[in-house]
Amino acid sequence: MTHNYLIAELSVRLGELQATVGHDAAPELAALRHQVEAGSPPGLRAAAVQALAIADSLCWESLSRGDITGFIRQAEISADLRLFGVCSRLLADGS
């Protein structure tokens, strides 16, 4: 896979995750998305790990608020993000 493809795909998934949250978590996701788009390919691994950590946190927050619809959407995006990370070798299979 080309580096530009990896950057674009990770950015798209971050954008999808960003669309599921309120304004509180949006700045953190926006900053990570900007970092991915402006950064270098070696930084993608750390960004993918950070994105999964944010997604996990968002899922737990949605559950604690009883927002089942938000949780389901965030869990779907998180699973897709993890699968992309593993398939692109940004994440280890056990991550």
N, C-alpha and C. Protein backbone atom coordinates (compact mmCIF):
# COMPACT_ATOMS: atom_id res chain seq x y z
N MET A 1 0.84 -1.18 0.00
CA MET A 1 0.00 0.00 0.00
C MET A 1 0.88 1.24 0.00
N THR A 2 0.46 2.26 -0.70
CA THR A 2 1.23 3.49 -0.72
C THR A 2 0.99 4.28 0.56
N HIS A 3 1.94 5.12 0.88
CA HIS A 3 1.80 5.93 2.09
C HIS A 3 0.62 6.89 1.98
N ASN A 4 0.39 7.44 0.82
CA ASN A 4 -0.74 8.36 0.64
C ASN A 4 -2.06 7.64 0.87
N TYR A 5 -2.15 6.40 0.41
CA TYR A 5 -3.36 5.61 0.62
C TYR A 5 -3.59 5.37 2.11
N LEU A 6 -2.53 5.00 2.81
CA LEU A 6 -2.66 4.75 4.25
C LEU A 6 -3.10 6.01 4.99
N ILE A 7 -2.51 7.13 4.63
CA ILE A 7 -2.87 8.40 5.26
C ILE A 7 -4.34 8.72 4.99
N ALA A 8 -4.76 8.59 3.75
CA ALA A 8 -6.15 8.91 3.38
C ALA A 8 -7.13 7.99 4.09
N GLU A 9 -6.85 6.70 4.11
CA GLU A 9 -7.77 5.76 4.73
C GLU A 9 -7.88 5.96 6.24
N LEU A 10 -6.77 6.22 6.89
CA LEU A 10 -6.80 6.49 8.32
C LEU A 10 -7.55 7.78 8.60
N SER A 11 -7.34 8.78 7.77
CA SER A 11 -8.05 10.05 7.92
C SER A 11 -9.55 9.88 7.77
N VAL A 12 -9.97 9.09 6.80
CA VAL A 12 -11.40 8.85 6.59
C VAL A 12 -12.02 8.21 7.82
N ARG A 13 -11.35 7.22 8.37
CA ARG A 13 -11.89 6.54 9.55
C ARG A 13 -11.94 7.47 10.76
N LEU A 14 -10.95 8.32 10.90
CA LEU A 14 -10.98 9.31 11.98
C LEU A 14 -12.13 10.29 11.78
N GLY A 15 -12.37 10.68 10.54
CA GLY A 15 -13.50 11.58 10.24
C GLY A 15 -14.83 10.94 10.58
N GLU A 16 -14.96 9.64 10.28
CA GLU A 16 -16.19 8.93 10.61
C GLU A 16 -16.39 8.87 12.12
N LEU A 17 -15.33 8.61 12.84
CA LEU A 17 -15.41 8.57 14.30
C LEU A 17 -15.73 9.95 14.85
N GLN A 18 -15.12 10.97 14.29
CA GLN A 18 -15.36 12.35 14.72
C GLN A 18 -16.82 12.74 14.54
N ALA A 19 -17.45 12.23 13.50
CA ALA A 19 -18.85 12.57 13.22
C ALA A 19 -19.81 11.97 14.25
N THR A 20 -19.35 11.01 15.05
CA THR A 20 -20.24 10.36 16.02
C THR A 20 -20.22 11.01 17.39
N VAL A 21 -19.33 11.97 17.60
CA VAL A 21 -19.17 12.52 18.95
C VAL A 21 -19.64 13.97 19.03
N GLY A 22 -19.84 14.39 20.26
CA GLY A 22 -20.18 15.78 20.49
C GLY A 22 -18.94 16.65 20.40
N HIS A 23 -19.09 17.87 20.77
CA HIS A 23 -18.01 18.84 20.63
C HIS A 23 -16.86 18.60 21.62
N ASP A 24 -17.11 17.84 22.70
CA ASP A 24 -16.06 17.61 23.70
C ASP A 24 -14.88 16.83 23.14
N ALA A 25 -15.16 15.75 22.42
CA ALA A 25 -14.08 14.90 21.90
C ALA A 25 -13.67 15.30 20.49
N ALA A 26 -14.44 16.13 19.84
CA ALA A 26 -14.15 16.51 18.46
C ALA A 26 -12.78 17.18 18.31
N PRO A 27 -12.36 18.08 19.20
CA PRO A 27 -11.03 18.69 19.02
C PRO A 27 -9.89 17.68 19.07
N GLU A 28 -9.98 16.71 19.96
CA GLU A 28 -8.92 15.70 20.05
C GLU A 28 -8.84 14.87 18.76
N LEU A 29 -9.99 14.50 18.23
CA LEU A 29 -10.00 13.74 16.98
C LEU A 29 -9.56 14.61 15.81
N ALA A 30 -9.98 15.87 15.80
CA ALA A 30 -9.56 16.77 14.73
C ALA A 30 -8.05 16.97 14.73
N ALA A 31 -7.47 17.09 15.93
CA ALA A 31 -6.02 17.26 16.03
C ALA A 31 -5.29 16.00 15.54
N LEU A 32 -5.81 14.83 15.91
CA LEU A 32 -5.18 13.59 15.47
C LEU A 32 -5.32 13.43 13.95
N ARG A 33 -6.47 13.78 13.43
CA ARG A 33 -6.67 13.70 11.98
C ARG A 33 -5.72 14.64 11.25
N HIS A 34 -5.55 15.85 11.76
CA HIS A 34 -4.61 16.80 11.15
C HIS A 34 -3.18 16.25 11.23
N GLN A 35 -2.84 15.65 12.36
CA GLN A 35 -1.51 15.06 12.53
C GLN A 35 -1.28 13.97 11.49
N VAL A 36 -2.28 13.14 11.26
CA VAL A 36 -2.17 12.06 10.27
C VAL A 36 -1.97 12.65 8.88
N GLU A 37 -2.79 13.64 8.53
CA GLU A 37 -2.75 14.21 7.18
C GLU A 37 -1.47 14.99 6.92
N ALA A 38 -0.91 15.61 7.94
CA ALA A 38 0.29 16.44 7.76
C ALA A 38 1.58 15.72 8.13
N GLY A 39 1.44 14.59 8.79
CA GLY A 39 2.61 13.90 9.31
C GLY A 39 3.29 12.99 8.32
N SER A 40 4.28 12.32 8.83
CA SER A 40 5.05 11.41 8.00
C SER A 40 4.53 9.98 8.19
N PRO A 41 4.75 9.13 7.21
CA PRO A 41 4.28 7.74 7.30
C PRO A 41 4.73 6.99 8.55
N PRO A 42 5.96 7.20 9.05
CA PRO A 42 6.33 6.48 10.27
C PRO A 42 5.44 6.81 11.48
N GLY A 43 4.82 7.97 11.47
CA GLY A 43 3.94 8.36 12.57
C GLY A 43 2.57 7.73 12.51
N LEU A 44 2.25 7.03 11.43
CA LEU A 44 0.92 6.45 11.28
C LEU A 44 0.65 5.34 12.29
N ARG A 45 1.66 4.57 12.62
CA ARG A 45 1.48 3.48 13.59
C ARG A 45 1.01 4.05 14.94
N ALA A 46 1.70 5.06 15.42
CA ALA A 46 1.33 5.68 16.71
C ALA A 46 -0.06 6.32 16.62
N ALA A 47 -0.36 6.93 15.48
CA ALA A 47 -1.67 7.56 15.29
C ALA A 47 -2.78 6.51 15.30
N ALA A 48 -2.53 5.36 14.68
CA ALA A 48 -3.53 4.29 14.66
C ALA A 48 -3.78 3.75 16.07
N VAL A 49 -2.72 3.61 16.85
CA VAL A 49 -2.86 3.15 18.24
C VAL A 49 -3.65 4.18 19.04
N GLN A 50 -3.32 5.45 18.86
CA GLN A 50 -4.02 6.52 19.57
C GLN A 50 -5.49 6.58 19.15
N ALA A 51 -5.76 6.39 17.87
CA ALA A 51 -7.14 6.41 17.38
C ALA A 51 -7.96 5.29 18.02
N LEU A 52 -7.38 4.11 18.16
CA LEU A 52 -8.09 3.02 18.81
C LEU A 52 -8.34 3.31 20.29
N ALA A 53 -7.39 3.94 20.94
CA ALA A 53 -7.58 4.30 22.35
C ALA A 53 -8.70 5.32 22.50
N ILE A 54 -8.74 6.29 21.61
CA ILE A 54 -9.82 7.29 21.64
C ILE A 54 -11.16 6.62 21.36
N ALA A 55 -11.19 5.75 20.37
CA ALA A 55 -12.43 5.05 20.02
C ALA A 55 -12.94 4.22 21.19
N ASP A 56 -12.02 3.54 21.88
CA ASP A 56 -12.41 2.75 23.04
C ASP A 56 -13.01 3.64 24.12
N SER A 57 -12.38 4.75 24.37
CA SER A 57 -12.87 5.70 25.37
C SER A 57 -14.26 6.23 25.00
N LEU A 58 -14.44 6.54 23.71
CA LEU A 58 -15.73 7.05 23.25
C LEU A 58 -16.83 6.00 23.41
N CYS A 59 -16.49 4.76 23.12
CA CYS A 59 -17.47 3.68 23.29
C CYS A 59 -17.91 3.57 24.75
N TRP A 60 -16.94 3.61 25.66
CA TRP A 60 -17.28 3.53 27.08
C TRP A 60 -18.11 4.73 27.53
N GLU A 61 -17.78 5.90 27.04
CA GLU A 61 -18.55 7.10 27.38
C GLU A 61 -19.99 6.98 26.90
N SER A 62 -20.16 6.48 25.67
CA SER A 62 -21.51 6.31 25.13
C SER A 62 -22.31 5.32 25.97
N LEU A 63 -21.68 4.22 26.35
CA LEU A 63 -22.37 3.24 27.20
C LEU A 63 -22.76 3.83 28.55
N SER A 64 -21.86 4.61 29.13
CA SER A 64 -22.15 5.18 30.45
C SER A 64 -23.30 6.19 30.39
N ARG A 65 -23.48 6.83 29.23
CA ARG A 65 -24.59 7.76 29.05
C ARG A 65 -25.86 7.06 28.58
N GLY A 66 -25.77 5.77 28.28
CA GLY A 66 -26.93 5.04 27.77
C GLY A 66 -27.20 5.32 26.31
N ASP A 67 -26.20 5.82 25.60
CA ASP A 67 -26.35 6.13 24.17
C ASP A 67 -25.99 4.89 23.36
N ILE A 68 -26.95 4.00 23.23
CA ILE A 68 -26.71 2.72 22.54
C ILE A 68 -26.46 2.94 21.06
N THR A 69 -27.19 3.85 20.44
CA THR A 69 -26.99 4.12 19.01
C THR A 69 -25.58 4.63 18.75
N GLY A 70 -25.12 5.57 19.57
CA GLY A 70 -23.77 6.09 19.43
C GLY A 70 -22.73 5.01 19.67
N PHE A 71 -22.98 4.18 20.69
CA PHE A 71 -22.05 3.09 20.97
C PHE A 71 -21.93 2.14 19.79
N ILE A 72 -23.05 1.76 19.22
CA ILE A 72 -23.03 0.81 18.10
C ILE A 72 -22.23 1.39 16.94
N ARG A 73 -22.49 2.64 16.60
CA ARG A 73 -21.78 3.26 15.48
C ARG A 73 -20.28 3.38 15.78
N GLN A 74 -19.95 3.80 16.99
CA GLN A 74 -18.54 3.93 17.35
C GLN A 74 -17.84 2.57 17.39
N ALA A 75 -18.53 1.54 17.85
CA ALA A 75 -17.95 0.20 17.88
C ALA A 75 -17.71 -0.31 16.46
N GLU A 76 -18.63 -0.03 15.55
CA GLU A 76 -18.45 -0.43 14.15
C GLU A 76 -17.23 0.26 13.54
N ILE A 77 -17.11 1.55 13.78
CA ILE A 77 -15.97 2.30 13.24
C ILE A 77 -14.67 1.82 13.89
N SER A 78 -14.72 1.55 15.19
CA SER A 78 -13.54 1.05 15.89
C SER A 78 -13.10 -0.30 15.33
N ALA A 79 -14.04 -1.19 15.07
CA ALA A 79 -13.70 -2.49 14.50
C ALA A 79 -13.10 -2.32 13.10
N ASP A 80 -13.67 -1.43 12.32
CA ASP A 80 -13.14 -1.16 10.98
C ASP A 80 -11.74 -0.55 11.07
N LEU A 81 -11.55 0.35 12.00
CA LEU A 81 -10.25 0.98 12.21
C LEU A 81 -9.20 -0.07 12.60
N ARG A 82 -9.56 -0.97 13.49
CA ARG A 82 -8.64 -2.02 13.90
C ARG A 82 -8.31 -2.95 12.74
N LEU A 83 -9.33 -3.36 11.99
CA LEU A 83 -9.11 -4.24 10.85
C LEU A 83 -8.20 -3.57 9.82
N PHE A 84 -8.46 -2.30 9.54
CA PHE A 84 -7.60 -1.55 8.62
C PHE A 84 -6.17 -1.51 9.15
N GLY A 85 -6.02 -1.23 10.43
CA GLY A 85 -4.69 -1.16 11.03
C GLY A 85 -3.93 -2.47 10.93
N VAL A 86 -4.61 -3.57 11.17
CA VAL A 86 -3.97 -4.88 11.09
C VAL A 86 -3.62 -5.21 9.64
N CYS A 87 -4.57 -5.01 8.73
CA CYS A 87 -4.34 -5.35 7.33
C CYS A 87 -3.24 -4.48 6.70
N SER A 88 -3.13 -3.24 7.14
CA SER A 88 -2.10 -2.36 6.60
C SER A 88 -0.78 -2.47 7.37
N ARG A 89 -0.76 -3.35 8.35
CA ARG A 89 0.42 -3.59 9.19
C ARG A 89 0.83 -2.38 10.03
N LEU A 90 -0.15 -1.53 10.30
CA LEU A 90 0.10 -0.44 11.24
C LEU A 90 -0.07 -0.93 12.66
N LEU A 91 -0.87 -1.98 12.83
CA LEU A 91 -1.14 -2.56 14.15
C LEU A 91 -0.82 -4.05 14.11
N ALA A 92 -0.36 -4.57 15.23
CA ALA A 92 -0.13 -6.00 15.34
C ALA A 92 -1.49 -6.70 15.45
N ASP A 93 -1.54 -7.94 15.05
CA ASP A 93 -2.78 -8.69 15.07
C ASP A 93 -3.37 -8.81 16.47
N GLY A 94 -2.55 -8.77 17.50
CA GLY A 94 -3.02 -8.89 18.87
C GLY A 94 -3.40 -7.56 19.51
N SER A 95 -3.34 -6.44 18.77
CA SER A 95 -3.62 -5.12 19.35
C SER A 95 -5.07 -4.95 19.68
